[in-house]
Amino acid sequence: MPEPVIRPATHADDEELAELDRRAWSPLHAVKPRPQPPYEPFFDARHPPEHILVAESQSLAPGLVGYIRLAPVTRLICNAHVRQIQGLVVDDRVRGRGIARAMLRAACAEARRQGARRVTLRVLGHNAPARALYASEGFAVEGVLPGEFLLEGAYVDDVLMGRAL
């Protein structure tokens, strides 16, 4: 069986995903402050398990080593053909092994399965590795919100990317 396995998340993954999210926090990709106790659950009404695919490993670093959040952009019927990637995280211990690319491809396949025709995402302008990954998988810059976020004393662009399925 190839490593890691990408599968839909379940409610049982909540604690492990929350811990992975805290470990992977970085100003390179996070717009929210570093998580502090008391920690909130990973899943909530806006982010249910059915919007998450996880990468699970038995040998690289046993357990969950990544996740990608794929959700409808809005509740509007006229926008139901679009899905948005609202987060992609890979455990630092297993970076550079193609896990992000595999999850991105799995998310696009899942979006297609759901009937979507487009996938969009937002990425911070200074996150060059993520932007390069997305571009290599067919995502194009569709807009830039200059200086949209003030992160650690610097203004950072919000880059909007998308691709057809």
N, C-alpha and C. Protein backbone atom coordinates (compact mmCIF):
# COMPACT_ATOMS: atom_id res chain seq x y z
N MET A 1 0.86 -1.18 0.00
CA MET A 1 0.00 0.00 0.00
C MET A 1 0.90 1.24 0.00
N PRO A 2 0.62 2.20 -0.89
CA PRO A 2 1.48 3.39 -0.93
C PRO A 2 1.35 4.21 0.34
N GLU A 3 2.41 4.89 0.67
CA GLU A 3 2.45 5.74 1.87
C GLU A 3 2.46 7.19 1.44
N PRO A 4 1.75 8.06 2.06
CA PRO A 4 0.66 7.79 3.00
C PRO A 4 -0.64 7.51 2.26
N VAL A 5 -1.63 7.07 3.00
CA VAL A 5 -2.98 6.86 2.47
C VAL A 5 -3.75 8.15 2.66
N ILE A 6 -4.43 8.59 1.62
CA ILE A 6 -5.28 9.79 1.72
C ILE A 6 -6.72 9.32 1.80
N ARG A 7 -7.41 9.79 2.84
CA ARG A 7 -8.77 9.33 3.09
C ARG A 7 -9.60 10.48 3.65
N PRO A 8 -10.93 10.34 3.62
CA PRO A 8 -11.78 11.35 4.26
C PRO A 8 -11.56 11.37 5.77
N ALA A 9 -11.64 12.53 6.37
CA ALA A 9 -11.52 12.66 7.82
C ALA A 9 -12.77 12.14 8.49
N THR A 10 -12.63 11.76 9.75
CA THR A 10 -13.76 11.36 10.58
C THR A 10 -13.70 12.16 11.89
N HIS A 11 -14.81 12.16 12.60
CA HIS A 11 -14.84 12.86 13.89
C HIS A 11 -13.74 12.36 14.82
N ALA A 12 -13.37 11.09 14.70
CA ALA A 12 -12.33 10.51 15.56
C ALA A 12 -10.96 11.14 15.32
N ASP A 13 -10.78 11.84 14.20
CA ASP A 13 -9.50 12.48 13.87
C ASP A 13 -9.32 13.84 14.53
N ASP A 14 -10.36 14.34 15.21
CA ASP A 14 -10.35 15.72 15.70
C ASP A 14 -9.11 16.06 16.53
N GLU A 15 -8.83 15.31 17.56
CA GLU A 15 -7.72 15.65 18.45
C GLU A 15 -6.38 15.59 17.73
N GLU A 16 -6.18 14.57 16.92
CA GLU A 16 -4.91 14.44 16.20
C GLU A 16 -4.73 15.55 15.17
N LEU A 17 -5.81 15.95 14.50
CA LEU A 17 -5.73 17.07 13.55
C LEU A 17 -5.46 18.38 14.27
N ALA A 18 -6.09 18.58 15.41
CA ALA A 18 -5.85 19.81 16.18
C ALA A 18 -4.38 19.90 16.58
N GLU A 19 -3.81 18.78 17.02
CA GLU A 19 -2.40 18.76 17.41
C GLU A 19 -1.50 19.00 16.20
N LEU A 20 -1.79 18.38 15.08
CA LEU A 20 -1.01 18.60 13.86
C LEU A 20 -1.08 20.07 13.45
N ASP A 21 -2.26 20.65 13.52
CA ASP A 21 -2.44 22.06 13.15
C ASP A 21 -1.60 22.97 14.06
N ARG A 22 -1.58 22.67 15.35
CA ARG A 22 -0.78 23.49 16.27
C ARG A 22 0.72 23.34 15.99
N ARG A 23 1.17 22.11 15.75
CA ARG A 23 2.60 21.87 15.46
C ARG A 23 3.04 22.55 14.17
N ALA A 24 2.15 22.57 13.19
CA ALA A 24 2.51 23.09 11.86
C ALA A 24 2.31 24.60 11.73
N TRP A 25 1.78 25.26 12.77
CA TRP A 25 1.51 26.69 12.67
C TRP A 25 2.78 27.43 12.26
N SER A 26 2.62 28.38 11.34
CA SER A 26 3.75 29.19 10.89
C SER A 26 3.22 30.50 10.32
N PRO A 27 3.94 31.59 10.52
CA PRO A 27 3.51 32.86 9.90
C PRO A 27 3.65 32.83 8.38
N LEU A 28 4.26 31.79 7.84
CA LEU A 28 4.36 31.66 6.39
C LEU A 28 3.00 31.40 5.76
N HIS A 29 2.11 30.72 6.52
CA HIS A 29 0.81 30.39 5.95
C HIS A 29 -0.38 30.72 6.85
N ALA A 30 -0.16 31.11 8.08
CA ALA A 30 -1.28 31.35 9.00
C ALA A 30 -1.57 32.84 9.14
N VAL A 31 -2.85 33.18 9.11
CA VAL A 31 -3.25 34.56 9.34
C VAL A 31 -3.79 34.75 10.75
N LYS A 32 -4.08 33.64 11.43
CA LYS A 32 -4.52 33.72 12.82
C LYS A 32 -3.30 33.62 13.72
N PRO A 33 -3.38 34.18 14.93
CA PRO A 33 -2.25 34.08 15.86
C PRO A 33 -1.94 32.63 16.23
N ARG A 34 -0.72 32.41 16.71
CA ARG A 34 -0.32 31.06 17.15
C ARG A 34 -1.33 30.56 18.18
N PRO A 35 -1.81 29.33 18.03
CA PRO A 35 -2.79 28.79 18.99
C PRO A 35 -2.23 28.75 20.41
N GLN A 36 -3.08 29.11 21.36
CA GLN A 36 -2.72 29.11 22.78
C GLN A 36 -3.79 28.35 23.55
N PRO A 37 -3.41 27.71 24.65
CA PRO A 37 -4.42 27.02 25.47
C PRO A 37 -5.41 28.03 26.02
N PRO A 38 -6.64 27.66 26.27
CA PRO A 38 -7.20 26.35 25.98
C PRO A 38 -7.46 26.20 24.49
N TYR A 39 -7.09 25.05 23.95
CA TYR A 39 -7.21 24.82 22.52
C TYR A 39 -8.65 24.50 22.14
N GLU A 40 -9.02 24.94 20.96
CA GLU A 40 -10.35 24.67 20.44
C GLU A 40 -10.33 23.38 19.64
N PRO A 41 -11.49 22.73 19.49
CA PRO A 41 -11.55 21.54 18.66
C PRO A 41 -11.20 21.90 17.21
N PHE A 42 -10.71 20.93 16.47
CA PHE A 42 -10.37 21.15 15.07
C PHE A 42 -11.65 21.33 14.24
N PHE A 43 -12.61 20.45 14.45
CA PHE A 43 -13.88 20.52 13.71
C PHE A 43 -14.85 21.47 14.41
N ASP A 44 -15.60 22.21 13.60
CA ASP A 44 -16.67 23.05 14.12
C ASP A 44 -17.75 23.12 13.05
N ALA A 45 -18.76 23.94 13.28
CA ALA A 45 -19.90 24.00 12.35
C ALA A 45 -19.47 24.42 10.94
N ARG A 46 -18.47 25.30 10.85
CA ARG A 46 -18.00 25.77 9.53
C ARG A 46 -17.00 24.82 8.90
N HIS A 47 -16.38 23.95 9.71
CA HIS A 47 -15.32 23.07 9.23
C HIS A 47 -15.58 21.63 9.69
N PRO A 48 -16.59 20.97 9.10
CA PRO A 48 -16.91 19.61 9.51
C PRO A 48 -15.95 18.59 8.87
N PRO A 49 -15.93 17.37 9.39
CA PRO A 49 -15.04 16.34 8.83
C PRO A 49 -15.22 16.11 7.33
N GLU A 50 -16.44 16.27 6.83
CA GLU A 50 -16.68 15.98 5.41
C GLU A 50 -15.98 16.98 4.48
N HIS A 51 -15.41 18.04 5.01
CA HIS A 51 -14.65 19.00 4.19
C HIS A 51 -13.14 18.72 4.23
N ILE A 52 -12.74 17.65 4.88
CA ILE A 52 -11.32 17.39 5.11
C ILE A 52 -10.90 16.04 4.53
N LEU A 53 -9.77 16.05 3.84
CA LEU A 53 -9.07 14.81 3.50
C LEU A 53 -7.81 14.79 4.34
N VAL A 54 -7.44 13.62 4.84
CA VAL A 54 -6.24 13.49 5.65
C VAL A 54 -5.26 12.55 4.98
N ALA A 55 -3.98 12.76 5.27
CA ALA A 55 -2.92 11.85 4.85
C ALA A 55 -2.50 11.10 6.10
N GLU A 56 -2.60 9.78 6.03
CA GLU A 56 -2.29 8.93 7.18
C GLU A 56 -1.14 8.00 6.83
N SER A 57 -0.20 7.89 7.74
CA SER A 57 0.99 7.08 7.51
C SER A 57 1.16 6.04 8.61
N GLN A 58 1.70 4.91 8.23
CA GLN A 58 2.06 3.89 9.21
C GLN A 58 3.57 3.83 9.40
N SER A 59 4.33 4.33 8.42
CA SER A 59 5.78 4.19 8.50
C SER A 59 6.55 5.50 8.55
N LEU A 60 6.11 6.53 7.82
CA LEU A 60 6.87 7.78 7.78
C LEU A 60 6.92 8.43 9.15
N ALA A 61 5.78 8.69 9.71
CA ALA A 61 5.60 9.23 11.06
C ALA A 61 4.20 8.77 11.43
N PRO A 62 4.09 7.64 12.10
CA PRO A 62 2.78 7.01 12.30
C PRO A 62 1.69 7.99 12.74
N GLY A 63 0.55 7.88 12.07
CA GLY A 63 -0.60 8.74 12.35
C GLY A 63 -0.87 9.69 11.21
N LEU A 64 -1.57 10.76 11.51
CA LEU A 64 -1.92 11.75 10.50
C LEU A 64 -0.73 12.65 10.24
N VAL A 65 -0.37 12.78 8.97
CA VAL A 65 0.79 13.59 8.60
C VAL A 65 0.41 14.80 7.74
N GLY A 66 -0.88 14.96 7.48
CA GLY A 66 -1.32 16.11 6.71
C GLY A 66 -2.82 16.13 6.54
N TYR A 67 -3.30 17.30 6.11
CA TYR A 67 -4.71 17.42 5.77
C TYR A 67 -4.88 18.52 4.74
N ILE A 68 -6.00 18.44 4.02
CA ILE A 68 -6.40 19.50 3.10
C ILE A 68 -7.89 19.71 3.30
N ARG A 69 -8.28 20.98 3.42
CA ARG A 69 -9.69 21.34 3.61
C ARG A 69 -10.24 21.79 2.27
N LEU A 70 -11.30 21.13 1.82
CA LEU A 70 -11.95 21.43 0.54
C LEU A 70 -13.42 21.68 0.83
N ALA A 71 -13.90 22.89 0.55
CA ALA A 71 -15.26 23.24 0.93
C ALA A 71 -15.92 24.07 -0.16
N PRO A 72 -17.25 24.08 -0.16
CA PRO A 72 -17.94 25.02 -1.04
C PRO A 72 -17.54 26.45 -0.65
N VAL A 73 -17.46 27.32 -1.64
CA VAL A 73 -17.07 28.71 -1.37
C VAL A 73 -18.19 29.45 -0.66
N THR A 74 -19.41 29.24 -1.11
CA THR A 74 -20.60 29.86 -0.51
C THR A 74 -21.72 28.83 -0.49
N ARG A 75 -22.85 29.23 0.03
CA ARG A 75 -24.05 28.37 0.01
C ARG A 75 -24.93 28.66 -1.20
N LEU A 76 -24.51 29.56 -2.06
CA LEU A 76 -25.31 29.97 -3.22
C LEU A 76 -25.35 28.87 -4.27
N ILE A 77 -26.53 28.61 -4.82
CA ILE A 77 -26.70 27.62 -5.88
C ILE A 77 -25.88 28.00 -7.10
N CYS A 78 -25.83 29.29 -7.44
CA CYS A 78 -25.13 29.75 -8.63
C CYS A 78 -23.61 29.60 -8.51
N ASN A 79 -23.13 29.23 -7.33
CA ASN A 79 -21.69 29.09 -7.06
C ASN A 79 -21.36 27.64 -6.65
N ALA A 80 -22.34 26.74 -6.77
CA ALA A 80 -22.17 25.36 -6.30
C ALA A 80 -21.17 24.56 -7.11
N HIS A 81 -20.77 25.07 -8.25
CA HIS A 81 -19.81 24.35 -9.12
C HIS A 81 -18.36 24.65 -8.75
N VAL A 82 -18.14 25.41 -7.67
CA VAL A 82 -16.79 25.80 -7.26
C VAL A 82 -16.51 25.24 -5.87
N ARG A 83 -15.30 24.70 -5.70
CA ARG A 83 -14.82 24.31 -4.38
C ARG A 83 -13.58 25.14 -4.09
N GLN A 84 -13.32 25.36 -2.80
CA GLN A 84 -12.16 26.15 -2.40
C GLN A 84 -11.31 25.35 -1.43
N ILE A 85 -10.02 25.37 -1.66
CA ILE A 85 -9.08 24.80 -0.71
C ILE A 85 -8.90 25.84 0.38
N GLN A 86 -9.25 25.48 1.59
CA GLN A 86 -9.22 26.42 2.71
C GLN A 86 -8.18 26.01 3.75
N GLY A 87 -7.17 25.34 3.32
CA GLY A 87 -6.07 24.96 4.20
C GLY A 87 -5.41 23.69 3.71
N LEU A 88 -4.10 23.68 3.74
CA LEU A 88 -3.32 22.50 3.40
C LEU A 88 -2.13 22.49 4.36
N VAL A 89 -2.00 21.43 5.13
CA VAL A 89 -0.94 21.32 6.12
C VAL A 89 -0.25 19.97 5.99
N VAL A 90 1.08 19.99 6.04
CA VAL A 90 1.88 18.76 6.08
C VAL A 90 2.79 18.86 7.30
N ASP A 91 2.86 17.77 8.04
CA ASP A 91 3.72 17.69 9.22
C ASP A 91 5.17 17.96 8.79
N ASP A 92 5.86 18.83 9.52
CA ASP A 92 7.26 19.17 9.20
C ASP A 92 8.15 17.94 9.13
N ARG A 93 7.83 16.89 9.87
CA ARG A 93 8.67 15.69 9.91
C ARG A 93 8.68 14.94 8.58
N VAL A 94 7.70 15.19 7.72
CA VAL A 94 7.60 14.42 6.47
C VAL A 94 7.53 15.33 5.24
N ARG A 95 7.93 16.56 5.39
CA ARG A 95 7.92 17.48 4.24
C ARG A 95 8.90 17.00 3.17
N GLY A 96 8.61 17.37 1.94
CA GLY A 96 9.50 17.02 0.84
C GLY A 96 9.31 15.62 0.29
N ARG A 97 8.23 14.96 0.65
CA ARG A 97 7.97 13.59 0.19
C ARG A 97 6.77 13.51 -0.76
N GLY A 98 6.29 14.67 -1.22
CA GLY A 98 5.19 14.69 -2.18
C GLY A 98 3.81 14.57 -1.56
N ILE A 99 3.71 14.70 -0.25
CA ILE A 99 2.42 14.54 0.42
C ILE A 99 1.48 15.69 0.08
N ALA A 100 1.97 16.92 0.07
CA ALA A 100 1.11 18.06 -0.27
C ALA A 100 0.58 17.91 -1.70
N ARG A 101 1.44 17.52 -2.62
CA ARG A 101 1.02 17.33 -4.01
C ARG A 101 -0.05 16.23 -4.10
N ALA A 102 0.17 15.12 -3.40
CA ALA A 102 -0.79 14.02 -3.43
C ALA A 102 -2.14 14.46 -2.85
N MET A 103 -2.12 15.23 -1.76
CA MET A 103 -3.38 15.71 -1.18
C MET A 103 -4.06 16.70 -2.11
N LEU A 104 -3.29 17.56 -2.76
CA LEU A 104 -3.86 18.53 -3.69
C LEU A 104 -4.54 17.81 -4.85
N ARG A 105 -3.89 16.80 -5.38
CA ARG A 105 -4.49 16.02 -6.47
C ARG A 105 -5.74 15.28 -5.99
N ALA A 106 -5.68 14.72 -4.79
CA ALA A 106 -6.85 14.03 -4.24
C ALA A 106 -8.01 15.00 -4.03
N ALA A 107 -7.71 16.22 -3.59
CA ALA A 107 -8.76 17.22 -3.39
C ALA A 107 -9.40 17.61 -4.72
N CYS A 108 -8.60 17.76 -5.75
CA CYS A 108 -9.16 18.09 -7.07
C CYS A 108 -10.03 16.94 -7.59
N ALA A 109 -9.57 15.70 -7.36
CA ALA A 109 -10.38 14.55 -7.76
C ALA A 109 -11.69 14.51 -6.98
N GLU A 110 -11.63 14.81 -5.69
CA GLU A 110 -12.84 14.83 -4.87
C GLU A 110 -13.78 15.95 -5.32
N ALA A 111 -13.23 17.11 -5.65
CA ALA A 111 -14.06 18.21 -6.14
C ALA A 111 -14.77 17.79 -7.43
N ARG A 112 -14.05 17.13 -8.33
CA ARG A 112 -14.66 16.62 -9.57
C ARG A 112 -15.77 15.64 -9.24
N ARG A 113 -15.51 14.72 -8.31
CA ARG A 113 -16.50 13.73 -7.91
C ARG A 113 -17.77 14.40 -7.38
N GLN A 114 -17.61 15.54 -6.70
CA GLN A 114 -18.73 16.30 -6.16
C GLN A 114 -19.44 17.13 -7.22
N GLY A 115 -18.94 17.12 -8.45
CA GLY A 115 -19.57 17.87 -9.53
C GLY A 115 -19.01 19.26 -9.74
N ALA A 116 -17.93 19.58 -9.07
CA ALA A 116 -17.33 20.92 -9.24
C ALA A 116 -16.64 21.02 -10.60
N ARG A 117 -16.59 22.25 -11.09
CA ARG A 117 -15.90 22.55 -12.35
C ARG A 117 -14.66 23.40 -12.14
N ARG A 118 -14.55 23.99 -10.94
CA ARG A 118 -13.40 24.84 -10.60
C ARG A 118 -12.98 24.61 -9.16
N VAL A 119 -11.70 24.85 -8.92
CA VAL A 119 -11.16 24.87 -7.55
C VAL A 119 -10.39 26.16 -7.41
N THR A 120 -10.62 26.85 -6.29
CA THR A 120 -9.91 28.10 -6.02
C THR A 120 -9.21 27.97 -4.66
N LEU A 121 -8.34 28.93 -4.39
CA LEU A 121 -7.66 28.98 -3.10
C LEU A 121 -7.10 30.36 -2.90
N ARG A 122 -6.69 30.61 -1.67
CA ARG A 122 -6.00 31.85 -1.31
C ARG A 122 -4.70 31.45 -0.65
N VAL A 123 -3.62 32.13 -1.00
CA VAL A 123 -2.31 31.82 -0.45
C VAL A 123 -1.60 33.14 -0.16
N LEU A 124 -0.86 33.17 0.93
CA LEU A 124 -0.12 34.39 1.27
C LEU A 124 0.98 34.62 0.26
N GLY A 125 1.14 35.88 -0.13
CA GLY A 125 2.12 36.24 -1.15
C GLY A 125 3.53 35.82 -0.84
N HIS A 126 3.91 35.77 0.44
CA HIS A 126 5.28 35.41 0.79
C HIS A 126 5.51 33.91 0.91
N ASN A 127 4.46 33.11 0.67
CA ASN A 127 4.58 31.65 0.77
C ASN A 127 4.99 31.08 -0.58
N ALA A 128 6.24 31.31 -0.95
CA ALA A 128 6.75 30.88 -2.26
C ALA A 128 6.65 29.38 -2.48
N PRO A 129 6.95 28.52 -1.50
CA PRO A 129 6.84 27.08 -1.76
C PRO A 129 5.41 26.65 -2.12
N ALA A 130 4.42 27.17 -1.40
CA ALA A 130 3.03 26.81 -1.69
C ALA A 130 2.61 27.35 -3.05
N ARG A 131 2.97 28.58 -3.34
CA ARG A 131 2.61 29.16 -4.64
C ARG A 131 3.22 28.36 -5.78
N ALA A 132 4.45 27.90 -5.63
CA ALA A 132 5.10 27.10 -6.67
C ALA A 132 4.39 25.76 -6.84
N LEU A 133 4.01 25.13 -5.72
CA LEU A 133 3.27 23.87 -5.80
C LEU A 133 1.96 24.06 -6.55
N TYR A 134 1.20 25.08 -6.15
CA TYR A 134 -0.09 25.30 -6.80
C TYR A 134 0.08 25.58 -8.29
N ALA A 135 1.04 26.40 -8.64
CA ALA A 135 1.28 26.70 -10.06
C ALA A 135 1.65 25.44 -10.82
N SER A 136 2.46 24.58 -10.22
CA SER A 136 2.88 23.35 -10.91
C SER A 136 1.71 22.38 -11.10
N GLU A 137 0.64 22.57 -10.34
CA GLU A 137 -0.56 21.73 -10.47
C GLU A 137 -1.67 22.43 -11.26
N GLY A 138 -1.31 23.48 -11.99
CA GLY A 138 -2.27 24.11 -12.91
C GLY A 138 -3.04 25.28 -12.35
N PHE A 139 -2.76 25.70 -11.12
CA PHE A 139 -3.44 26.86 -10.56
C PHE A 139 -2.76 28.13 -11.08
N ALA A 140 -3.56 29.10 -11.45
CA ALA A 140 -3.05 30.38 -11.95
C ALA A 140 -3.48 31.50 -11.01
N VAL A 141 -2.66 32.53 -10.93
CA VAL A 141 -3.02 33.70 -10.14
C VAL A 141 -4.18 34.39 -10.84
N GLU A 142 -5.26 34.61 -10.11
CA GLU A 142 -6.45 35.25 -10.66
C GLU A 142 -6.70 36.61 -10.02
N GLY A 143 -5.91 36.94 -9.02
CA GLY A 143 -6.04 38.24 -8.38
C GLY A 143 -5.10 38.35 -7.20
N VAL A 144 -4.80 39.58 -6.83
CA VAL A 144 -3.94 39.84 -5.69
C VAL A 144 -4.57 40.98 -4.89
N LEU A 145 -4.68 40.76 -3.59
CA LEU A 145 -5.13 41.81 -2.68
C LEU A 145 -3.86 42.32 -1.98
N PRO A 146 -3.30 43.42 -2.46
CA PRO A 146 -2.02 43.91 -1.91
C PRO A 146 -2.13 44.30 -0.44
N GLY A 147 -1.15 43.87 0.34
CA GLY A 147 -1.08 44.26 1.74
C GLY A 147 -2.30 43.90 2.55
N GLU A 148 -2.97 42.83 2.21
CA GLU A 148 -4.24 42.46 2.84
C GLU A 148 -4.09 42.09 4.32
N PHE A 149 -2.94 41.55 4.71
CA PHE A 149 -2.74 41.12 6.08
C PHE A 149 -1.50 41.78 6.67
N LEU A 150 -1.58 42.14 7.93
CA LEU A 150 -0.43 42.63 8.68
C LEU A 150 0.02 41.48 9.58
N LEU A 151 1.14 40.85 9.21
CA LEU A 151 1.64 39.68 9.91
C LEU A 151 3.04 39.94 10.42
N GLU A 152 3.20 39.87 11.72
CA GLU A 152 4.50 40.08 12.35
C GLU A 152 5.16 41.37 11.87
N GLY A 153 4.37 42.43 11.78
CA GLY A 153 4.89 43.75 11.43
C GLY A 153 5.07 44.02 9.96
N ALA A 154 4.70 43.08 9.09
CA ALA A 154 4.85 43.28 7.65
C ALA A 154 3.51 43.09 6.95
N TYR A 155 3.26 43.90 5.94
CA TYR A 155 2.05 43.75 5.14
C TYR A 155 2.29 42.67 4.09
N VAL A 156 1.34 41.74 4.01
CA VAL A 156 1.48 40.58 3.14
C VAL A 156 0.29 40.53 2.19
N ASP A 157 0.58 40.25 0.92
CA ASP A 157 -0.47 40.13 -0.09
C ASP A 157 -1.26 38.84 0.11
N ASP A 158 -2.52 38.89 -0.27
CA ASP A 158 -3.39 37.72 -0.34
C ASP A 158 -3.52 37.40 -1.83
N VAL A 159 -3.02 36.24 -2.24
CA VAL A 159 -3.01 35.87 -3.66
C VAL A 159 -4.14 34.88 -3.91
N LEU A 160 -4.99 35.20 -4.87
CA LEU A 160 -6.12 34.36 -5.23
C LEU A 160 -5.71 33.53 -6.44
N MET A 161 -5.86 32.20 -6.33
CA MET A 161 -5.50 31.32 -7.43
C MET A 161 -6.66 30.38 -7.73
N GLY A 162 -6.71 29.89 -8.94
CA GLY A 162 -7.77 28.97 -9.31
C GLY A 162 -7.39 28.15 -10.53
N ARG A 163 -8.19 27.11 -10.75
CA ARG A 163 -8.00 26.29 -11.95
C ARG A 163 -9.30 25.58 -12.28
N ALA A 164 -9.45 25.29 -13.56
CA ALA A 164 -10.59 24.50 -14.01
C ALA A 164 -10.30 23.03 -13.74
N LEU A 165 -11.35 22.26 -13.61
CA LEU A 165 -11.19 20.81 -13.41
C LEU A 165 -11.46 20.05 -14.70
